[in-house]
């Protein structure tokens, strides 16, 4: 499995179900990749067509197969409303390294609830045999010990 850094560009959403009946909702997104969780800013008063244009960085290790984006409506005084969620498989970005801004379907109760636009970039961890050889020479190590005998 790949290891490295995943950059998520959270752009915007449209066609979301407005969970506030009297005014426009204040949506935000909770991004989760395995045990890592990050939260976007609240798009105050943006209703069902919010824009964020925020970047989030996750450290990817073995076994990270997907990232989940949960859209919630920030409510003061009551629990935030669940608007919908998206689960994005990471295999395509591991292969391509960059996926341009793509709309993904937002789902709630197995029904379509709008879409969210997200761009993904994966930077694999660079580990090569030559890196390790250079370290051995710089810090002494087995080559130096073998020469001393």
N, C-alpha and C. Protein backbone atom coordinates (compact mmCIF):
# COMPACT_ATOMS: atom_id res chain seq x y z
N UNK A 1 0.84 -1.19 0.00
CA UNK A 1 0.00 0.00 0.00
C UNK A 1 0.88 1.24 0.00
N UNK A 2 0.38 2.30 -0.61
CA UNK A 2 1.16 3.54 -0.68
C UNK A 2 1.28 4.25 0.67
N UNK A 3 2.34 5.01 0.77
CA UNK A 3 2.53 5.88 1.93
C UNK A 3 2.96 7.23 1.39
N UNK A 4 2.54 8.30 2.05
CA UNK A 4 2.89 9.64 1.59
C UNK A 4 1.92 10.67 2.13
N UNK A 5 1.69 11.71 1.34
CA UNK A 5 0.84 12.82 1.76
C UNK A 5 -0.32 12.99 0.78
N UNK A 6 -1.52 13.08 1.33
CA UNK A 6 -2.71 13.32 0.53
C UNK A 6 -3.18 14.74 0.78
N UNK A 7 -3.28 15.51 -0.30
CA UNK A 7 -3.79 16.89 -0.20
C UNK A 7 -5.20 16.91 -0.76
N UNK A 8 -6.13 17.40 0.03
CA UNK A 8 -7.53 17.46 -0.36
C UNK A 8 -7.93 18.92 -0.52
N UNK A 9 -8.36 19.29 -1.72
CA UNK A 9 -8.84 20.64 -1.97
C UNK A 9 -10.37 20.60 -1.96
N UNK A 10 -10.94 21.14 -0.89
CA UNK A 10 -12.39 21.21 -0.72
C UNK A 10 -12.85 22.50 -1.38
N UNK A 11 -13.58 22.39 -2.47
CA UNK A 11 -13.93 23.57 -3.26
C UNK A 11 -15.32 24.10 -2.91
N UNK A 12 -16.34 23.33 -3.22
CA UNK A 12 -17.70 23.84 -3.03
C UNK A 12 -18.70 22.68 -3.06
N UNK A 13 -19.96 23.01 -2.83
CA UNK A 13 -21.04 22.04 -2.95
C UNK A 13 -22.22 22.74 -3.59
N UNK A 14 -23.11 21.94 -4.17
CA UNK A 14 -24.33 22.54 -4.72
C UNK A 14 -25.47 21.54 -4.65
N UNK A 15 -26.68 22.08 -4.61
CA UNK A 15 -27.86 21.25 -4.58
C UNK A 15 -28.08 20.53 -3.26
N UNK A 16 -27.43 21.02 -2.18
CA UNK A 16 -27.60 20.37 -0.89
C UNK A 16 -29.01 20.64 -0.35
N UNK A 17 -29.49 19.71 0.45
CA UNK A 17 -30.78 19.88 1.09
C UNK A 17 -30.62 20.89 2.23
N UNK A 18 -31.40 21.95 2.20
CA UNK A 18 -31.32 22.97 3.26
C UNK A 18 -32.03 22.45 4.50
N UNK A 19 -31.25 22.25 5.57
CA UNK A 19 -31.82 21.71 6.81
C UNK A 19 -32.40 22.79 7.71
N UNK A 20 -32.16 24.06 7.40
CA UNK A 20 -32.74 25.16 8.17
C UNK A 20 -33.97 25.67 7.43
N UNK A 21 -35.09 25.69 8.11
CA UNK A 21 -36.33 26.06 7.44
C UNK A 21 -36.55 27.57 7.36
N UNK A 22 -36.03 28.31 8.34
CA UNK A 22 -36.30 29.74 8.38
C UNK A 22 -35.21 30.58 7.72
N UNK A 23 -34.00 30.02 7.60
CA UNK A 23 -32.90 30.79 7.01
C UNK A 23 -31.95 29.82 6.29
N UNK A 24 -30.94 30.38 5.66
CA UNK A 24 -29.96 29.54 4.98
C UNK A 24 -29.09 28.81 6.00
N UNK A 25 -28.75 27.57 5.69
CA UNK A 25 -27.91 26.81 6.60
C UNK A 25 -26.46 27.28 6.53
N UNK A 26 -25.68 26.86 7.53
CA UNK A 26 -24.27 27.22 7.65
C UNK A 26 -23.44 25.94 7.57
N UNK A 27 -23.20 25.44 6.36
CA UNK A 27 -22.55 24.13 6.24
C UNK A 27 -21.04 24.15 6.47
N UNK A 28 -20.56 23.02 6.99
CA UNK A 28 -19.13 22.77 7.11
C UNK A 28 -18.91 21.29 6.83
N UNK A 29 -17.65 20.91 6.65
CA UNK A 29 -17.32 19.54 6.28
C UNK A 29 -16.32 18.96 7.27
N UNK A 30 -16.57 17.71 7.70
CA UNK A 30 -15.62 16.97 8.50
C UNK A 30 -15.00 15.92 7.59
N UNK A 31 -13.67 16.02 7.40
CA UNK A 31 -12.94 15.10 6.53
C UNK A 31 -12.26 14.06 7.40
N UNK A 32 -12.46 12.77 7.07
CA UNK A 32 -11.89 11.70 7.87
C UNK A 32 -11.16 10.70 6.97
N UNK A 33 -9.91 10.45 7.33
CA UNK A 33 -9.11 9.43 6.64
C UNK A 33 -8.50 8.55 7.73
N UNK A 34 -9.03 7.35 7.86
CA UNK A 34 -8.69 6.43 8.95
C UNK A 34 -8.88 7.14 10.29
N UNK A 35 -7.82 7.34 11.09
CA UNK A 35 -7.99 7.95 12.41
C UNK A 35 -7.80 9.47 12.39
N UNK A 36 -7.44 10.03 11.23
CA UNK A 36 -7.23 11.48 11.14
C UNK A 36 -8.54 12.17 10.77
N UNK A 37 -8.83 13.26 11.48
CA UNK A 37 -10.05 14.01 11.21
C UNK A 37 -9.74 15.50 11.18
N UNK A 38 -10.25 16.18 10.16
CA UNK A 38 -10.07 17.63 10.05
C UNK A 38 -11.42 18.25 9.70
N UNK A 39 -11.57 19.53 10.08
CA UNK A 39 -12.85 20.21 9.89
C UNK A 39 -12.64 21.50 9.11
N UNK A 40 -13.53 21.74 8.14
CA UNK A 40 -13.46 22.97 7.35
C UNK A 40 -14.04 24.12 8.17
N UNK A 41 -13.89 25.30 7.62
CA UNK A 41 -14.55 26.47 8.23
C UNK A 41 -16.06 26.36 7.94
N UNK A 42 -16.83 27.12 8.67
CA UNK A 42 -18.28 27.14 8.46
C UNK A 42 -18.59 28.18 7.38
N UNK A 43 -19.32 27.76 6.35
CA UNK A 43 -19.72 28.69 5.28
C UNK A 43 -21.02 29.37 5.73
N UNK A 44 -20.86 30.38 6.55
CA UNK A 44 -22.00 31.04 7.20
C UNK A 44 -22.98 31.63 6.19
N UNK A 45 -24.24 31.23 6.32
CA UNK A 45 -25.31 31.77 5.49
C UNK A 45 -25.23 31.42 4.02
N UNK A 46 -24.39 30.45 3.66
CA UNK A 46 -24.22 30.10 2.24
C UNK A 46 -25.26 29.10 1.75
N UNK A 47 -26.04 28.54 2.68
CA UNK A 47 -27.15 27.67 2.29
C UNK A 47 -26.71 26.42 1.56
N UNK A 48 -27.44 26.08 0.49
CA UNK A 48 -27.20 24.83 -0.23
C UNK A 48 -26.16 24.95 -1.34
N UNK A 49 -25.51 26.12 -1.45
CA UNK A 49 -24.47 26.33 -2.47
C UNK A 49 -23.18 26.88 -1.86
N UNK A 50 -22.62 26.23 -0.82
CA UNK A 50 -21.44 26.78 -0.13
C UNK A 50 -20.15 26.68 -0.93
N UNK A 51 -19.23 27.58 -0.62
CA UNK A 51 -17.87 27.53 -1.19
C UNK A 51 -16.89 27.60 -0.03
N UNK A 52 -15.85 26.76 -0.10
CA UNK A 52 -14.83 26.77 0.95
C UNK A 52 -13.46 27.13 0.40
N UNK A 53 -13.05 26.49 -0.68
CA UNK A 53 -11.71 26.67 -1.26
C UNK A 53 -10.63 26.54 -0.18
N UNK A 54 -10.65 25.41 0.52
CA UNK A 54 -9.69 25.13 1.58
C UNK A 54 -8.92 23.86 1.25
N UNK A 55 -7.68 23.82 1.72
CA UNK A 55 -6.83 22.65 1.49
C UNK A 55 -6.53 21.96 2.81
N UNK A 56 -6.60 20.63 2.79
CA UNK A 56 -6.33 19.81 3.97
C UNK A 56 -5.27 18.78 3.60
N UNK A 57 -4.36 18.50 4.53
CA UNK A 57 -3.28 17.55 4.26
C UNK A 57 -3.38 16.39 5.25
N UNK A 58 -3.35 15.17 4.71
CA UNK A 58 -3.40 13.97 5.52
C UNK A 58 -2.13 13.15 5.28
N UNK A 59 -1.63 12.51 6.33
CA UNK A 59 -0.50 11.59 6.20
C UNK A 59 -1.08 10.21 5.92
N UNK A 60 -0.67 9.64 4.80
CA UNK A 60 -1.20 8.35 4.38
C UNK A 60 -0.22 7.25 4.76
N UNK A 61 -0.74 6.21 5.41
CA UNK A 61 0.07 5.05 5.72
C UNK A 61 -0.66 3.81 5.20
N UNK A 62 -0.08 2.66 5.43
CA UNK A 62 -0.67 1.42 4.92
C UNK A 62 -2.14 1.29 5.28
N UNK A 63 -2.93 0.88 4.31
CA UNK A 63 -4.32 0.56 4.58
C UNK A 63 -5.32 1.68 4.39
N UNK A 64 -4.89 2.89 4.06
CA UNK A 64 -5.84 3.99 3.83
C UNK A 64 -6.44 3.81 2.45
N UNK A 65 -7.71 3.38 2.42
CA UNK A 65 -8.36 3.07 1.15
C UNK A 65 -9.36 4.13 0.70
N UNK A 66 -9.81 4.98 1.64
CA UNK A 66 -10.83 5.96 1.29
C UNK A 66 -10.78 7.15 2.24
N UNK A 67 -11.43 8.22 1.80
CA UNK A 67 -11.60 9.40 2.66
C UNK A 67 -13.10 9.70 2.68
N UNK A 68 -13.60 10.06 3.86
CA UNK A 68 -15.03 10.34 4.01
C UNK A 68 -15.21 11.82 4.31
N UNK A 69 -16.16 12.44 3.62
CA UNK A 69 -16.50 13.84 3.85
C UNK A 69 -17.94 13.90 4.35
N UNK A 70 -18.12 14.37 5.58
CA UNK A 70 -19.46 14.52 6.14
C UNK A 70 -19.81 15.99 6.14
N UNK A 71 -20.95 16.32 5.56
CA UNK A 71 -21.41 17.71 5.53
C UNK A 71 -22.42 17.89 6.66
N UNK A 72 -22.18 18.92 7.47
CA UNK A 72 -23.07 19.21 8.59
C UNK A 72 -23.48 20.68 8.53
N UNK A 73 -24.60 20.98 9.16
CA UNK A 73 -25.09 22.35 9.24
C UNK A 73 -24.86 22.83 10.67
N UNK A 74 -24.05 23.86 10.82
CA UNK A 74 -23.74 24.40 12.14
C UNK A 74 -24.96 25.11 12.71
N UNK A 75 -25.41 24.63 13.87
CA UNK A 75 -26.55 25.25 14.54
C UNK A 75 -26.13 25.68 15.93
N UNK A 76 -26.42 26.91 16.30
CA UNK A 76 -26.10 27.34 17.66
C UNK A 76 -27.26 26.93 18.57
N UNK A 77 -26.91 26.38 19.72
CA UNK A 77 -27.93 26.01 20.69
C UNK A 77 -28.47 24.60 20.54
N UNK A 78 -28.38 24.02 19.34
CA UNK A 78 -28.84 22.64 19.13
C UNK A 78 -27.73 21.85 18.45
N UNK A 79 -27.94 20.54 18.38
CA UNK A 79 -26.95 19.69 17.72
C UNK A 79 -26.91 20.01 16.23
N UNK A 80 -25.69 20.00 15.64
CA UNK A 80 -25.54 20.28 14.22
C UNK A 80 -26.28 19.22 13.40
N UNK A 81 -26.92 19.66 12.31
CA UNK A 81 -27.70 18.75 11.46
C UNK A 81 -26.80 18.05 10.45
N UNK A 82 -27.04 16.75 10.26
CA UNK A 82 -26.33 15.97 9.26
C UNK A 82 -26.98 16.22 7.90
N UNK A 83 -26.20 16.71 6.95
CA UNK A 83 -26.72 17.04 5.62
C UNK A 83 -26.52 15.87 4.66
N UNK A 84 -25.36 15.23 4.73
CA UNK A 84 -25.06 14.10 3.85
C UNK A 84 -23.58 13.80 3.88
N UNK A 85 -23.17 12.74 3.19
CA UNK A 85 -21.76 12.39 3.17
C UNK A 85 -21.33 11.79 1.85
N UNK A 86 -20.01 11.76 1.66
CA UNK A 86 -19.39 11.22 0.45
C UNK A 86 -18.22 10.36 0.91
N UNK A 87 -18.08 9.19 0.30
CA UNK A 87 -16.90 8.36 0.54
C UNK A 87 -16.15 8.27 -0.79
N UNK A 88 -14.90 8.74 -0.78
CA UNK A 88 -14.09 8.77 -2.01
C UNK A 88 -13.00 7.71 -1.91
N UNK A 89 -12.98 6.75 -2.86
CA UNK A 89 -11.90 5.76 -2.87
C UNK A 89 -10.58 6.43 -3.25
N UNK A 90 -9.48 6.02 -2.62
CA UNK A 90 -8.18 6.67 -2.86
C UNK A 90 -7.33 5.97 -3.92
N UNK A 91 -7.70 4.78 -4.33
CA UNK A 91 -6.92 4.05 -5.33
C UNK A 91 -6.65 4.87 -6.60
N UNK A 92 -7.66 5.57 -7.18
CA UNK A 92 -7.38 6.36 -8.39
C UNK A 92 -6.32 7.45 -8.18
N UNK A 93 -6.32 8.12 -7.03
CA UNK A 93 -5.33 9.19 -6.81
C UNK A 93 -3.95 8.59 -6.54
N UNK A 94 -3.89 7.38 -5.97
CA UNK A 94 -2.59 6.71 -5.81
C UNK A 94 -1.98 6.42 -7.18
N UNK A 95 -2.81 6.03 -8.13
CA UNK A 95 -2.33 5.70 -9.48
C UNK A 95 -2.01 6.94 -10.30
N UNK A 96 -2.89 7.94 -10.26
CA UNK A 96 -2.76 9.13 -11.11
C UNK A 96 -1.92 10.23 -10.48
N UNK A 97 -1.78 10.25 -9.16
CA UNK A 97 -1.08 11.27 -8.36
C UNK A 97 -1.90 12.55 -8.22
N UNK A 98 -2.70 12.93 -9.22
CA UNK A 98 -3.53 14.13 -9.12
C UNK A 98 -4.88 13.86 -9.78
N UNK A 99 -5.93 14.20 -9.08
CA UNK A 99 -7.28 14.15 -9.66
C UNK A 99 -7.82 15.57 -9.63
N UNK A 100 -8.21 16.11 -10.78
CA UNK A 100 -8.72 17.48 -10.82
C UNK A 100 -10.03 17.59 -10.04
N UNK A 101 -10.48 18.80 -9.83
CA UNK A 101 -11.74 19.04 -9.12
C UNK A 101 -12.85 18.20 -9.77
N UNK A 102 -13.44 17.34 -8.97
CA UNK A 102 -14.45 16.40 -9.45
C UNK A 102 -15.68 16.48 -8.56
N UNK A 103 -16.88 16.50 -9.16
CA UNK A 103 -18.08 16.46 -8.33
C UNK A 103 -18.37 15.03 -7.85
N UNK A 104 -18.65 14.89 -6.57
CA UNK A 104 -19.02 13.60 -5.99
C UNK A 104 -20.42 13.72 -5.41
N UNK A 105 -21.21 12.67 -5.56
CA UNK A 105 -22.59 12.68 -5.05
C UNK A 105 -22.62 12.64 -3.53
N UNK A 106 -23.40 13.55 -2.96
CA UNK A 106 -23.62 13.57 -1.51
C UNK A 106 -24.85 12.69 -1.25
N UNK A 107 -24.71 11.77 -0.28
CA UNK A 107 -25.77 10.81 -0.01
C UNK A 107 -26.20 10.89 1.46
N UNK A 108 -27.52 10.79 1.67
CA UNK A 108 -28.08 10.70 3.02
C UNK A 108 -29.25 9.72 2.94
N UNK A 109 -29.26 8.75 3.84
CA UNK A 109 -30.30 7.71 3.83
C UNK A 109 -30.42 7.05 2.45
N UNK A 110 -29.26 6.77 1.85
CA UNK A 110 -29.17 6.11 0.54
C UNK A 110 -29.81 6.90 -0.59
N UNK A 111 -30.00 8.21 -0.41
CA UNK A 111 -30.57 9.05 -1.45
C UNK A 111 -29.62 10.19 -1.82
N UNK A 112 -29.66 10.58 -3.09
CA UNK A 112 -28.85 11.69 -3.60
C UNK A 112 -29.28 12.99 -2.93
N UNK A 113 -28.31 13.75 -2.39
CA UNK A 113 -28.63 15.01 -1.70
C UNK A 113 -27.78 16.17 -2.18
N UNK A 114 -27.32 16.12 -3.43
CA UNK A 114 -26.50 17.20 -3.97
C UNK A 114 -25.12 16.68 -4.33
N UNK A 115 -24.21 17.60 -4.55
CA UNK A 115 -22.84 17.18 -4.88
C UNK A 115 -21.82 18.12 -4.26
N UNK A 116 -20.61 17.58 -4.10
CA UNK A 116 -19.51 18.35 -3.52
C UNK A 116 -18.32 18.21 -4.46
N UNK A 117 -17.61 19.34 -4.69
CA UNK A 117 -16.46 19.32 -5.60
C UNK A 117 -15.16 19.28 -4.79
N UNK A 118 -14.34 18.28 -5.13
CA UNK A 118 -13.11 18.04 -4.40
C UNK A 118 -11.99 17.70 -5.39
N UNK A 119 -10.81 18.24 -5.15
CA UNK A 119 -9.61 17.87 -5.91
C UNK A 119 -8.66 17.12 -5.00
N UNK A 120 -7.96 16.12 -5.53
CA UNK A 120 -7.06 15.31 -4.71
C UNK A 120 -5.66 15.25 -5.34
N UNK A 121 -4.64 15.32 -4.49
CA UNK A 121 -3.25 15.18 -4.94
C UNK A 121 -2.53 14.27 -3.96
N UNK A 122 -1.80 13.29 -4.49
CA UNK A 122 -1.05 12.36 -3.64
C UNK A 122 0.43 12.49 -3.94
N UNK A 123 1.23 12.70 -2.90
CA UNK A 123 2.69 12.76 -3.03
C UNK A 123 3.26 11.54 -2.30
N UNK A 124 3.73 10.53 -3.06
CA UNK A 124 4.26 9.33 -2.41
C UNK A 124 5.53 9.64 -1.62
N UNK A 125 5.73 8.87 -0.57
CA UNK A 125 6.93 9.00 0.24
C UNK A 125 8.09 8.47 -0.60
N UNK A 126 9.15 9.26 -0.70
CA UNK A 126 10.30 8.86 -1.51
C UNK A 126 11.25 8.02 -0.67
N UNK A 127 11.40 6.77 -1.04
CA UNK A 127 12.36 5.88 -0.35
C UNK A 127 13.05 5.05 -1.40
N UNK A 128 14.33 5.24 -1.56
CA UNK A 128 15.08 4.46 -2.55
C UNK A 128 16.32 3.87 -1.90
N UNK A 129 16.90 2.87 -2.55
CA UNK A 129 18.09 2.21 -2.03
C UNK A 129 19.26 3.19 -1.94
N UNK A 130 19.36 4.14 -2.88
CA UNK A 130 20.48 5.08 -2.86
C UNK A 130 20.43 6.00 -1.64
N UNK A 131 19.22 6.32 -1.14
CA UNK A 131 19.11 7.14 0.07
C UNK A 131 19.78 6.44 1.24
N UNK A 132 19.56 5.13 1.36
CA UNK A 132 20.12 4.39 2.48
C UNK A 132 21.63 4.25 2.35
N UNK A 133 22.14 4.09 1.14
CA UNK A 133 23.59 3.99 0.94
C UNK A 133 24.26 5.29 1.38
N UNK A 134 23.67 6.42 1.01
CA UNK A 134 24.22 7.72 1.38
C UNK A 134 24.28 7.88 2.89
N UNK A 135 23.25 7.42 3.60
CA UNK A 135 23.23 7.52 5.06
C UNK A 135 24.35 6.70 5.67
N UNK A 136 24.56 5.49 5.14
CA UNK A 136 25.62 4.62 5.67
C UNK A 136 26.97 5.32 5.58
N UNK A 137 27.25 5.94 4.43
CA UNK A 137 28.54 6.59 4.23
C UNK A 137 28.69 7.81 5.12
N UNK A 138 27.63 8.56 5.30
CA UNK A 138 27.72 9.80 6.07
C UNK A 138 27.88 9.55 7.57
N UNK A 139 27.31 8.48 8.07
CA UNK A 139 27.31 8.24 9.52
C UNK A 139 28.22 7.09 9.92
N UNK A 140 29.12 6.69 9.09
CA UNK A 140 29.92 5.50 9.40
C UNK A 140 29.11 4.28 9.04
N UNK A 141 29.08 3.30 9.88
CA UNK A 141 28.25 2.13 9.61
C UNK A 141 29.08 0.93 9.21
N UNK A 142 28.45 -0.02 8.60
CA UNK A 142 29.09 -1.30 8.32
C UNK A 142 30.28 -1.18 7.37
N UNK A 143 30.25 -0.26 6.41
CA UNK A 143 31.36 -0.13 5.45
C UNK A 143 32.63 0.29 6.19
N UNK A 144 32.49 1.27 7.07
CA UNK A 144 33.64 1.77 7.84
C UNK A 144 34.18 0.67 8.76
N UNK A 145 33.30 -0.06 9.41
CA UNK A 145 33.72 -1.13 10.32
C UNK A 145 34.45 -2.23 9.55
N UNK A 146 33.96 -2.55 8.36
CA UNK A 146 34.58 -3.62 7.57
C UNK A 146 35.99 -3.19 7.15
N UNK A 147 36.19 -1.92 6.83
CA UNK A 147 37.50 -1.44 6.40
C UNK A 147 38.50 -1.45 7.57
N UNK A 148 38.02 -1.30 8.79
CA UNK A 148 38.89 -1.20 9.96
C UNK A 148 39.53 -2.53 10.33
N UNK A 149 38.94 -3.64 9.89
CA UNK A 149 39.48 -4.96 10.28
C UNK A 149 40.76 -5.30 9.59
